[in-house]
């Protein structure tokens, strides 16, 4: 499901979301920056960014991500990394966990 221009939710299960982010395609440095930045968010247990497939896998603690400060930290980090993209609808997906 498309959540913004250039961003799709490829799969979602409570505690795990896989996104396709067009800006990741072919950009290994950005993929590494995404992994490093998101790994620092307390609710996130695993991050895997793949520049070949433009996918981002995020595994998270369902209880912690449900707190507004944790979800907002993730959205803010994604906005820093991808400033032209809108991730605000992602919070809805995370809240349904």
PDB file of N, CA and C in Angstrom:
ATOM      1  N   UNK A   1       0.839  -1.177   0.000  1.00  0.00           N
ATOM      2  CA  UNK A   1       0.000   0.000   0.000  1.00  0.00           C
ATOM      3  C   UNK A   1       0.887   1.245   0.000  1.00  0.00           C
ATOM      4  N   UNK A   2       0.577   2.157  -0.857  1.00  0.00           N
ATOM      5  CA  UNK A   2       1.321   3.403  -0.962  1.00  0.00           C
ATOM      6  C   UNK A   2       0.918   4.320   0.188  1.00  0.00           C
ATOM      7  N   UNK A   3       1.905   4.790   0.962  1.00  0.00           N
ATOM      8  CA  UNK A   3       1.588   5.724   2.046  1.00  0.00           C
ATOM      9  C   UNK A   3       2.016   7.141   1.706  1.00  0.00           C
ATOM     10  N   UNK A   4       2.855   7.290   0.697  1.00  0.00           N
ATOM     11  CA  UNK A   4       3.295   8.606   0.226  1.00  0.00           C
ATOM     12  C   UNK A   4       3.984   8.394  -1.107  1.00  0.00           C
ATOM     13  N   UNK A   5       4.188   9.469  -1.832  1.00  0.00           N
ATOM     14  CA  UNK A   5       4.921   9.373  -3.086  1.00  0.00           C
ATOM     15  C   UNK A   5       6.317   8.829  -2.791  1.00  0.00           C
ATOM     16  N   UNK A   6       6.657   7.706  -3.404  1.00  0.00           N
ATOM     17  CA  UNK A   6       7.975   7.101  -3.208  1.00  0.00           C
ATOM     18  C   UNK A   6       8.100   6.172  -2.023  1.00  0.00           C
ATOM     19  N   UNK A   7       6.997   5.932  -1.303  1.00  0.00           N
ATOM     20  CA  UNK A   7       7.023   5.065  -0.116  1.00  0.00           C
ATOM     21  C   UNK A   7       5.822   4.125  -0.150  1.00  0.00           C
ATOM     22  N   UNK A   8       6.085   2.822  -0.035  1.00  0.00           N
ATOM     23  CA  UNK A   8       5.021   1.812   0.021  1.00  0.00           C
ATOM     24  C   UNK A   8       5.267   0.874   1.193  1.00  0.00           C
ATOM     25  N   UNK A   9       4.192   0.436   1.809  1.00  0.00           N
ATOM     26  CA  UNK A   9       4.275  -0.634   2.795  1.00  0.00           C
ATOM     27  C   UNK A   9       4.178  -1.933   2.005  1.00  0.00           C
ATOM     28  N   UNK A  10       5.250  -2.716   2.015  1.00  0.00           N
ATOM     29  CA  UNK A  10       5.263  -3.990   1.303  1.00  0.00           C
ATOM     30  C   UNK A  10       4.654  -5.103   2.141  1.00  0.00           C
ATOM     31  N   UNK A  11       4.947  -5.076   3.426  1.00  0.00           N
ATOM     32  CA  UNK A  11       4.344  -6.057   4.324  1.00  0.00           C
ATOM     33  C   UNK A  11       4.311  -5.469   5.728  1.00  0.00           C
ATOM     34  N   UNK A  12       3.326  -5.918   6.477  1.00  0.00           N
ATOM     35  CA  UNK A  12       3.168  -5.430   7.836  1.00  0.00           C
ATOM     36  C   UNK A  12       2.588  -6.531   8.699  1.00  0.00           C
ATOM     37  N   UNK A  13       3.245  -6.744   9.825  1.00  0.00           N
ATOM     38  CA  UNK A  13       2.748  -7.584  10.901  1.00  0.00           C
ATOM     39  C   UNK A  13       3.076  -6.822  12.170  1.00  0.00           C
ATOM     40  N   UNK A  14       2.250  -6.873  13.183  1.00  0.00           N
ATOM     41  CA  UNK A  14       2.599  -6.176  14.409  1.00  0.00           C
ATOM     42  C   UNK A  14       4.003  -6.569  14.877  1.00  0.00           C
ATOM     43  N   UNK A  15       4.853  -5.577  15.005  1.00  0.00           N
ATOM     44  CA  UNK A  15       6.243  -5.801  15.400  1.00  0.00           C
ATOM     45  C   UNK A  15       7.210  -5.827  14.227  1.00  0.00           C
ATOM     46  N   UNK A  16       6.677  -5.740  12.995  1.00  0.00           N
ATOM     47  CA  UNK A  16       7.544  -5.837  11.810  1.00  0.00           C
ATOM     48  C   UNK A  16       6.883  -5.124  10.630  1.00  0.00           C
ATOM     49  N   UNK A  17       7.638  -4.247   9.999  1.00  0.00           N
ATOM     50  CA  UNK A  17       7.137  -3.567   8.807  1.00  0.00           C
ATOM     51  C   UNK A  17       8.250  -3.523   7.760  1.00  0.00           C
ATOM     52  N   UNK A  18       7.886  -3.790   6.515  1.00  0.00           N
ATOM     53  CA  UNK A  18       8.832  -3.683   5.404  1.00  0.00           C
ATOM     54  C   UNK A  18       8.301  -2.616   4.448  1.00  0.00           C
ATOM     55  N   UNK A  19       9.157  -1.636   4.188  1.00  0.00           N
ATOM     56  CA  UNK A  19       8.808  -0.537   3.307  1.00  0.00           C
ATOM     57  C   UNK A  19       9.642  -0.594   2.040  1.00  0.00           C
ATOM     58  N   UNK A  20       9.102  -0.071   0.969  1.00  0.00           N
ATOM     59  CA  UNK A  20       9.889   0.196  -0.231  1.00  0.00           C
ATOM     60  C   UNK A  20      10.007   1.713  -0.299  1.00  0.00           C
ATOM     61  N   UNK A  21      11.254   2.173  -0.290  1.00  0.00           N
ATOM     62  CA  UNK A  21      11.528   3.606  -0.337  1.00  0.00           C
ATOM     63  C   UNK A  21      12.380   3.852  -1.577  1.00  0.00           C
ATOM     64  N   UNK A  22      11.776   4.462  -2.574  1.00  0.00           N
ATOM     65  CA  UNK A  22      12.447   4.638  -3.860  1.00  0.00           C
ATOM     66  C   UNK A  22      13.811   5.311  -3.732  1.00  0.00           C
ATOM     67  N   UNK A  23      13.967   6.238  -2.802  1.00  0.00           N
ATOM     68  CA  UNK A  23      15.238   6.956  -2.642  1.00  0.00           C
ATOM     69  C   UNK A  23      16.390   6.058  -2.191  1.00  0.00           C
ATOM     70  N   UNK A  24      16.089   4.883  -1.674  1.00  0.00           N
ATOM     71  CA  UNK A  24      17.149   3.943  -1.266  1.00  0.00           C
ATOM     72  C   UNK A  24      17.797   3.233  -2.455  1.00  0.00           C
ATOM     73  N   UNK A  25      17.071   3.158  -3.568  1.00  0.00           N
ATOM     74  CA  UNK A  25      17.529   2.379  -4.728  1.00  0.00           C
ATOM     75  C   UNK A  25      18.920   2.820  -5.173  1.00  0.00           C
ATOM     76  N   UNK A  26      19.863   1.880  -5.097  1.00  0.00           N
ATOM     77  CA  UNK A  26      21.223   2.112  -5.561  1.00  0.00           C
ATOM     78  C   UNK A  26      22.069   3.012  -4.674  1.00  0.00           C
ATOM     79  N   UNK A  27      21.595   3.366  -3.505  1.00  0.00           N
ATOM     80  CA  UNK A  27      22.326   4.280  -2.626  1.00  0.00           C
ATOM     81  C   UNK A  27      22.759   3.547  -1.358  1.00  0.00           C
ATOM     82  N   UNK A  28      23.879   2.864  -1.459  1.00  0.00           N
ATOM     83  CA  UNK A  28      24.384   2.064  -0.339  1.00  0.00           C
ATOM     84  C   UNK A  28      24.724   2.923   0.880  1.00  0.00           C
ATOM     85  N   UNK A  29      25.288   4.110   0.641  1.00  0.00           N
ATOM     86  CA  UNK A  29      25.639   4.995   1.755  1.00  0.00           C
ATOM     87  C   UNK A  29      24.397   5.415   2.533  1.00  0.00           C
ATOM     88  N   UNK A  30      23.331   5.711   1.825  1.00  0.00           N
ATOM     89  CA  UNK A  30      22.085   6.078   2.488  1.00  0.00           C
ATOM     90  C   UNK A  30      21.520   4.885   3.256  1.00  0.00           C
ATOM     91  N   UNK A  31      21.583   3.711   2.686  1.00  0.00           N
ATOM     92  CA  UNK A  31      21.100   2.508   3.374  1.00  0.00           C
ATOM     93  C   UNK A  31      21.857   2.300   4.692  1.00  0.00           C
ATOM     94  N   UNK A  32      23.156   2.506   4.663  1.00  0.00           N
ATOM     95  CA  UNK A  32      23.957   2.360   5.886  1.00  0.00           C
ATOM     96  C   UNK A  32      23.591   3.434   6.903  1.00  0.00           C
ATOM     97  N   UNK A  33      23.361   4.652   6.435  1.00  0.00           N
ATOM     98  CA  UNK A  33      22.973   5.741   7.330  1.00  0.00           C
ATOM     99  C   UNK A  33      21.608   5.454   7.968  1.00  0.00           C
ATOM    100  N   UNK A  34      20.693   4.900   7.193  1.00  0.00           N
ATOM    101  CA  UNK A  34      19.367   4.547   7.705  1.00  0.00           C
ATOM    102  C   UNK A  34      19.504   3.501   8.813  1.00  0.00           C
ATOM    103  N   UNK A  35      20.275   2.474   8.558  1.00  0.00           N
ATOM    104  CA  UNK A  35      20.459   1.430   9.577  1.00  0.00           C
ATOM    105  C   UNK A  35      21.049   2.004  10.853  1.00  0.00           C
ATOM    106  N   UNK A  36      22.072   2.824  10.718  1.00  0.00           N
ATOM    107  CA  UNK A  36      22.734   3.402  11.895  1.00  0.00           C
ATOM    108  C   UNK A  36      21.788   4.319  12.668  1.00  0.00           C
ATOM    109  N   UNK A  37      21.053   5.143  11.967  1.00  0.00           N
ATOM    110  CA  UNK A  37      20.167   6.123  12.622  1.00  0.00           C
ATOM    111  C   UNK A  37      18.985   5.435  13.307  1.00  0.00           C
ATOM    112  N   UNK A  38      18.340   4.500  12.623  1.00  0.00           N
ATOM    113  CA  UNK A  38      17.158   3.857  13.201  1.00  0.00           C
ATOM    114  C   UNK A  38      17.519   2.888  14.317  1.00  0.00           C
ATOM    115  N   UNK A  39      18.699   2.312  14.268  1.00  0.00           N
ATOM    116  CA  UNK A  39      19.123   1.386  15.326  1.00  0.00           C
ATOM    117  C   UNK A  39      19.231   2.091  16.678  1.00  0.00           C
ATOM    118  N   UNK A  40      19.361   3.402  16.669  1.00  0.00           N
ATOM    119  CA  UNK A  40      19.466   4.165  17.909  1.00  0.00           C
ATOM    120  C   UNK A  40      18.137   4.488  18.565  1.00  0.00           C
ATOM    121  N   UNK A  41      17.043   4.071  17.978  1.00  0.00           N
ATOM    122  CA  UNK A  41      15.720   4.337  18.556  1.00  0.00           C
ATOM    123  C   UNK A  41      15.346   3.172  19.462  1.00  0.00           C
ATOM    124  N   UNK A  42      15.000   3.491  20.685  1.00  0.00           N
ATOM    125  CA  UNK A  42      14.799   2.468  21.726  1.00  0.00           C
ATOM    126  C   UNK A  42      13.815   1.376  21.341  1.00  0.00           C
ATOM    127  N   UNK A  43      12.740   1.689  20.685  1.00  0.00           N
ATOM    128  CA  UNK A  43      11.702   0.698  20.375  1.00  0.00           C
ATOM    129  C   UNK A  43      12.100  -0.249  19.253  1.00  0.00           C
ATOM    130  N   UNK A  44      13.148   0.075  18.521  1.00  0.00           N
ATOM    131  CA  UNK A  44      13.532  -0.716  17.349  1.00  0.00           C
ATOM    132  C   UNK A  44      14.563  -1.766  17.733  1.00  0.00           C
ATOM    133  N   UNK A  45      14.278  -3.017  17.363  1.00  0.00           N
ATOM    134  CA  UNK A  45      15.186  -4.117  17.703  1.00  0.00           C
ATOM    135  C   UNK A  45      16.057  -4.551  16.524  1.00  0.00           C
ATOM    136  N   UNK A  46      15.624  -4.266  15.298  1.00  0.00           N
ATOM    137  CA  UNK A  46      16.387  -4.689  14.110  1.00  0.00           C
ATOM    138  C   UNK A  46      16.028  -3.795  12.930  1.00  0.00           C
ATOM    139  N   UNK A  47      17.055  -3.411  12.172  1.00  0.00           N
ATOM    140  CA  UNK A  47      16.857  -2.600  10.971  1.00  0.00           C
ATOM    141  C   UNK A  47      17.708  -3.195   9.861  1.00  0.00           C
ATOM    142  N   UNK A  48      17.109  -3.334   8.699  1.00  0.00           N
ATOM    143  CA  UNK A  48      17.839  -3.836   7.537  1.00  0.00           C
ATOM    144  C   UNK A  48      17.422  -3.015   6.324  1.00  0.00           C
ATOM    145  N   UNK A  49      18.347  -2.217   5.816  1.00  0.00           N
ATOM    146  CA  UNK A  49      18.090  -1.399   4.633  1.00  0.00           C
ATOM    147  C   UNK A  49      18.843  -2.017   3.460  1.00  0.00           C
ATOM    148  N   UNK A  50      18.150  -2.220   2.360  1.00  0.00           N
ATOM    149  CA  UNK A  50      18.731  -2.868   1.192  1.00  0.00           C
ATOM    150  C   UNK A  50      18.653  -1.912   0.009  1.00  0.00           C
ATOM    151  N   UNK A  51      19.813  -1.430  -0.423  1.00  0.00           N
ATOM    152  CA  UNK A  51      19.833  -0.469  -1.530  1.00  0.00           C
ATOM    153  C   UNK A  51      19.541  -1.131  -2.874  1.00  0.00           C
ATOM    154  N   UNK A  52      19.788  -2.418  -3.002  1.00  0.00           N
ATOM    155  CA  UNK A  52      19.517  -3.115  -4.272  1.00  0.00           C
ATOM    156  C   UNK A  52      18.014  -3.221  -4.530  1.00  0.00           C
ATOM    157  N   UNK A  53      17.247  -3.502  -3.470  1.00  0.00           N
ATOM    158  CA  UNK A  53      15.800  -3.665  -3.628  1.00  0.00           C
ATOM    159  C   UNK A  53      15.013  -2.438  -3.152  1.00  0.00           C
ATOM    160  N   UNK A  54      15.717  -1.441  -2.626  1.00  0.00           N
ATOM    161  CA  UNK A  54      15.083  -0.228  -2.088  1.00  0.00           C
ATOM    162  C   UNK A  54      14.122  -0.559  -0.948  1.00  0.00           C
ATOM    163  N   UNK A  55      14.437  -1.590  -0.176  1.00  0.00           N
ATOM    164  CA  UNK A  55      13.537  -1.971   0.910  1.00  0.00           C
ATOM    165  C   UNK A  55      14.157  -1.672   2.274  1.00  0.00           C
ATOM    166  N   UNK A  56      13.262  -1.451   3.219  1.00  0.00           N
ATOM    167  CA  UNK A  56      13.660  -1.192   4.591  1.00  0.00           C
ATOM    168  C   UNK A  56      12.812  -2.078   5.494  1.00  0.00           C
ATOM    169  N   UNK A  57      13.469  -2.956   6.226  1.00  0.00           N
ATOM    170  CA  UNK A  57      12.811  -3.820   7.190  1.00  0.00           C
ATOM    171  C   UNK A  57      13.066  -3.263   8.580  1.00  0.00           C
ATOM    172  N   UNK A  58      12.004  -3.062   9.331  1.00  0.00           N
ATOM    173  CA  UNK A  58      12.120  -2.564  10.698  1.00  0.00           C
ATOM    174  C   UNK A  58      11.349  -3.506  11.617  1.00  0.00           C
ATOM    175  N   UNK A  59      12.046  -4.063  12.592  1.00  0.00           N
ATOM    176  CA  UNK A  59      11.405  -4.861  13.632  1.00  0.00           C
ATOM    177  C   UNK A  59      11.430  -4.034  14.906  1.00  0.00           C
ATOM    178  N   UNK A  60      10.328  -4.040  15.618  1.00  0.00           N
ATOM    179  CA  UNK A  60      10.196  -3.155  16.762  1.00  0.00           C
ATOM    180  C   UNK A  60       9.388  -3.807  17.871  1.00  0.00           C
ATOM    181  N   UNK A  61       9.556  -3.271  19.066  1.00  0.00           N
ATOM    182  CA  UNK A  61       8.790  -3.717  20.223  1.00  0.00           C
ATOM    183  C   UNK A  61       7.411  -3.071  20.142  1.00  0.00           C
ATOM    184  N   UNK A  62       6.393  -3.883  20.016  1.00  0.00           N
ATOM    185  CA  UNK A  62       5.030  -3.393  19.829  1.00  0.00           C
ATOM    186  C   UNK A  62       4.555  -2.520  20.988  1.00  0.00           C
ATOM    187  N   UNK A  63       4.969  -2.840  22.191  1.00  0.00           N
ATOM    188  CA  UNK A  63       4.549  -2.040  23.345  1.00  0.00           C
ATOM    189  C   UNK A  63       5.209  -0.674  23.334  1.00  0.00           C
ATOM    190  N   UNK A  64       6.488  -0.630  23.020  1.00  0.00           N
ATOM    191  CA  UNK A  64       7.203   0.651  23.034  1.00  0.00           C
ATOM    192  C   UNK A  64       6.834   1.542  21.854  1.00  0.00           C
ATOM    193  N   UNK A  65       6.672   0.972  20.677  1.00  0.00           N
ATOM    194  CA  UNK A  65       6.401   1.794  19.494  1.00  0.00           C
ATOM    195  C   UNK A  65       5.018   2.421  19.588  1.00  0.00           C
ATOM    196  N   UNK A  66       4.148   1.841  20.388  1.00  0.00           N
ATOM    197  CA  UNK A  66       2.819   2.395  20.566  1.00  0.00           C
ATOM    198  C   UNK A  66       2.800   3.696  21.343  1.00  0.00           C
ATOM    199  N   UNK A  67       3.878   3.964  22.055  1.00  0.00           N
ATOM    200  CA  UNK A  67       3.975   5.243  22.759  1.00  0.00           C
ATOM    201  C   UNK A  67       4.224   6.339  21.734  1.00  0.00           C
ATOM    202  N   UNK A  68       3.530   7.445  21.841  1.00  0.00           N
ATOM    203  CA  UNK A  68       3.686   8.505  20.844  1.00  0.00           C
ATOM    204  C   UNK A  68       5.135   8.977  20.672  1.00  0.00           C
ATOM    205  N   UNK A  69       5.901   9.026  21.752  1.00  0.00           N
ATOM    206  CA  UNK A  69       7.273   9.522  21.615  1.00  0.00           C
ATOM    207  C   UNK A  69       8.130   8.566  20.791  1.00  0.00           C
ATOM    208  N   UNK A  70       7.912   7.273  20.887  1.00  0.00           N
ATOM    209  CA  UNK A  70       8.687   6.306  20.109  1.00  0.00           C
ATOM    210  C   UNK A  70       8.308   6.349  18.632  1.00  0.00           C
ATOM    211  N   UNK A  71       7.031   6.339  18.342  1.00  0.00           N
ATOM    212  CA  UNK A  71       6.582   6.410  16.953  1.00  0.00           C
ATOM    213  C   UNK A  71       7.029   7.717  16.326  1.00  0.00           C
ATOM    214  N   UNK A  72       6.921   8.797  17.061  1.00  0.00           N
ATOM    215  CA  UNK A  72       7.345  10.097  16.539  1.00  0.00           C
ATOM    216  C   UNK A  72       8.850  10.137  16.319  1.00  0.00           C
ATOM    217  N   UNK A  73       9.620   9.467  17.162  1.00  0.00           N
ATOM    218  CA  UNK A  73      11.069   9.410  16.972  1.00  0.00           C
ATOM    219  C   UNK A  73      11.407   8.697  15.671  1.00  0.00           C
ATOM    220  N   UNK A  74      10.694   7.626  15.375  1.00  0.00           N
ATOM    221  CA  UNK A  74      10.916   6.905  14.121  1.00  0.00           C
ATOM    222  C   UNK A  74      10.546   7.770  12.925  1.00  0.00           C
ATOM    223  N   UNK A  75       9.388   8.402  12.976  1.00  0.00           N
ATOM    224  CA  UNK A  75       8.940   9.261  11.882  1.00  0.00           C
ATOM    225  C   UNK A  75       9.910  10.424  11.687  1.00  0.00           C
ATOM    226  N   UNK A  76      10.355  11.025  12.766  1.00  0.00           N
ATOM    227  CA  UNK A  76      11.303  12.142  12.679  1.00  0.00           C
ATOM    228  C   UNK A  76      12.630  11.699  12.073  1.00  0.00           C
ATOM    229  N   UNK A  77      13.105  10.526  12.474  1.00  0.00           N
ATOM    230  CA  UNK A  77      14.367  10.017  11.924  1.00  0.00           C
ATOM    231  C   UNK A  77      14.234   9.749  10.428  1.00  0.00           C
ATOM    232  N   UNK A  78      13.117   9.162  10.021  1.00  0.00           N
ATOM    233  CA  UNK A  78      12.900   8.912   8.596  1.00  0.00           C
ATOM    234  C   UNK A  78      12.820  10.218   7.814  1.00  0.00           C
ATOM    235  N   UNK A  79      12.193  11.216   8.406  1.00  0.00           N
ATOM    236  CA  UNK A  79      12.105  12.519   7.737  1.00  0.00           C
ATOM    237  C   UNK A  79      13.490  13.158   7.589  1.00  0.00           C
ATOM    238  N   UNK A  80      14.340  13.016   8.607  1.00  0.00           N
ATOM    239  CA  UNK A  80      15.718  13.530   8.522  1.00  0.00           C
ATOM    240  C   UNK A  80      16.480  12.845   7.389  1.00  0.00           C
ATOM    241  N   UNK A  81      16.299  11.550   7.271  1.00  0.00           N
ATOM    242  CA  UNK A  81      17.025  10.766   6.269  1.00  0.00           C
ATOM    243  C   UNK A  81      16.465  10.957   4.862  1.00  0.00           C
ATOM    244  N   UNK A  82      15.163  11.172   4.770  1.00  0.00           N
ATOM    245  CA  UNK A  82      14.468  11.322   3.486  1.00  0.00           C
ATOM    246  C   UNK A  82      13.616  12.591   3.549  1.00  0.00           C
ATOM    247  N   UNK A  83      14.232  13.760   3.530  1.00  0.00           N
ATOM    248  CA  UNK A  83      13.489  15.000   3.784  1.00  0.00           C
ATOM    249  C   UNK A  83      12.377  15.314   2.787  1.00  0.00           C
ATOM    250  N   UNK A  84      12.449  14.793   1.586  1.00  0.00           N
ATOM    251  CA  UNK A  84      11.403  15.112   0.607  1.00  0.00           C
ATOM    252  C   UNK A  84      10.196  14.172   0.698  1.00  0.00           C
ATOM    253  N   UNK A  85      10.282  13.138   1.533  1.00  0.00           N
ATOM    254  CA  UNK A  85       9.217  12.143   1.637  1.00  0.00           C
ATOM    255  C   UNK A  85       8.371  12.361   2.892  1.00  0.00           C
ATOM    256  N   UNK A  86       7.113  11.980   2.819  1.00  0.00           N
ATOM    257  CA  UNK A  86       6.182  12.144   3.930  1.00  0.00           C
ATOM    258  C   UNK A  86       5.886  10.771   4.555  1.00  0.00           C
ATOM    259  N   UNK A  87       6.302  10.601   5.784  1.00  0.00           N
ATOM    260  CA  UNK A  87       6.097   9.331   6.485  1.00  0.00           C
ATOM    261  C   UNK A  87       4.995   9.426   7.543  1.00  0.00           C
ATOM    262  N   UNK A  88       4.242  10.509   7.554  1.00  0.00           N
ATOM    263  CA  UNK A  88       3.248  10.706   8.618  1.00  0.00           C
ATOM    264  C   UNK A  88       2.200   9.599   8.663  1.00  0.00           C
ATOM    265  N   UNK A  89       1.832   9.024   7.533  1.00  0.00           N
ATOM    266  CA  UNK A  89       0.829   7.942   7.533  1.00  0.00           C
ATOM    267  C   UNK A  89       1.374   6.641   8.128  1.00  0.00           C
ATOM    268  N   UNK A  90       2.685   6.522   8.226  1.00  0.00           N
ATOM    269  CA  UNK A  90       3.274   5.325   8.815  1.00  0.00           C
ATOM    270  C   UNK A  90       2.876   5.182  10.275  1.00  0.00           C
ATOM    271  N   UNK A  91       2.702   6.301  10.948  1.00  0.00           N
ATOM    272  CA  UNK A  91       2.321   6.252  12.365  1.00  0.00           C
ATOM    273  C   UNK A  91       0.995   5.505  12.544  1.00  0.00           C
ATOM    274  N   UNK A  92       0.091   5.644  11.599  1.00  0.00           N
ATOM    275  CA  UNK A  92      -1.178   4.903  11.645  1.00  0.00           C
ATOM    276  C   UNK A  92      -0.925   3.399  11.635  1.00  0.00           C
ATOM    277  N   UNK A  93      -0.028   2.955  10.774  1.00  0.00           N
ATOM    278  CA  UNK A  93       0.292   1.517  10.690  1.00  0.00           C
ATOM    279  C   UNK A  93       0.872   1.036  12.012  1.00  0.00           C
ATOM    280  N   UNK A  94       1.781   1.808  12.568  1.00  0.00           N
ATOM    281  CA  UNK A  94       2.425   1.402  13.815  1.00  0.00           C
ATOM    282  C   UNK A  94       1.437   1.390  14.966  1.00  0.00           C
ATOM    283  N   UNK A  95       0.498   2.310  14.960  1.00  0.00           N
ATOM    284  CA  UNK A  95      -0.501   2.372  16.031  1.00  0.00           C
ATOM    285  C   UNK A  95      -1.446   1.180  16.002  1.00  0.00           C
ATOM    286  N   UNK A  96      -1.589   0.553  14.835  1.00  0.00           N
ATOM    287  CA  UNK A  96      -2.493  -0.586  14.740  1.00  0.00           C
ATOM    288  C   UNK A  96      -1.857  -1.865  15.262  1.00  0.00           C
ATOM    289  N   UNK A  97      -0.640  -1.762  15.736  1.00  0.00           N
ATOM    290  CA  UNK A  97       0.056  -2.922  16.289  1.00  0.00           C
ATOM    291  C   UNK A  97      -0.614  -3.349  17.558  1.00  0.00           C
TER     292      UNK A  97
END
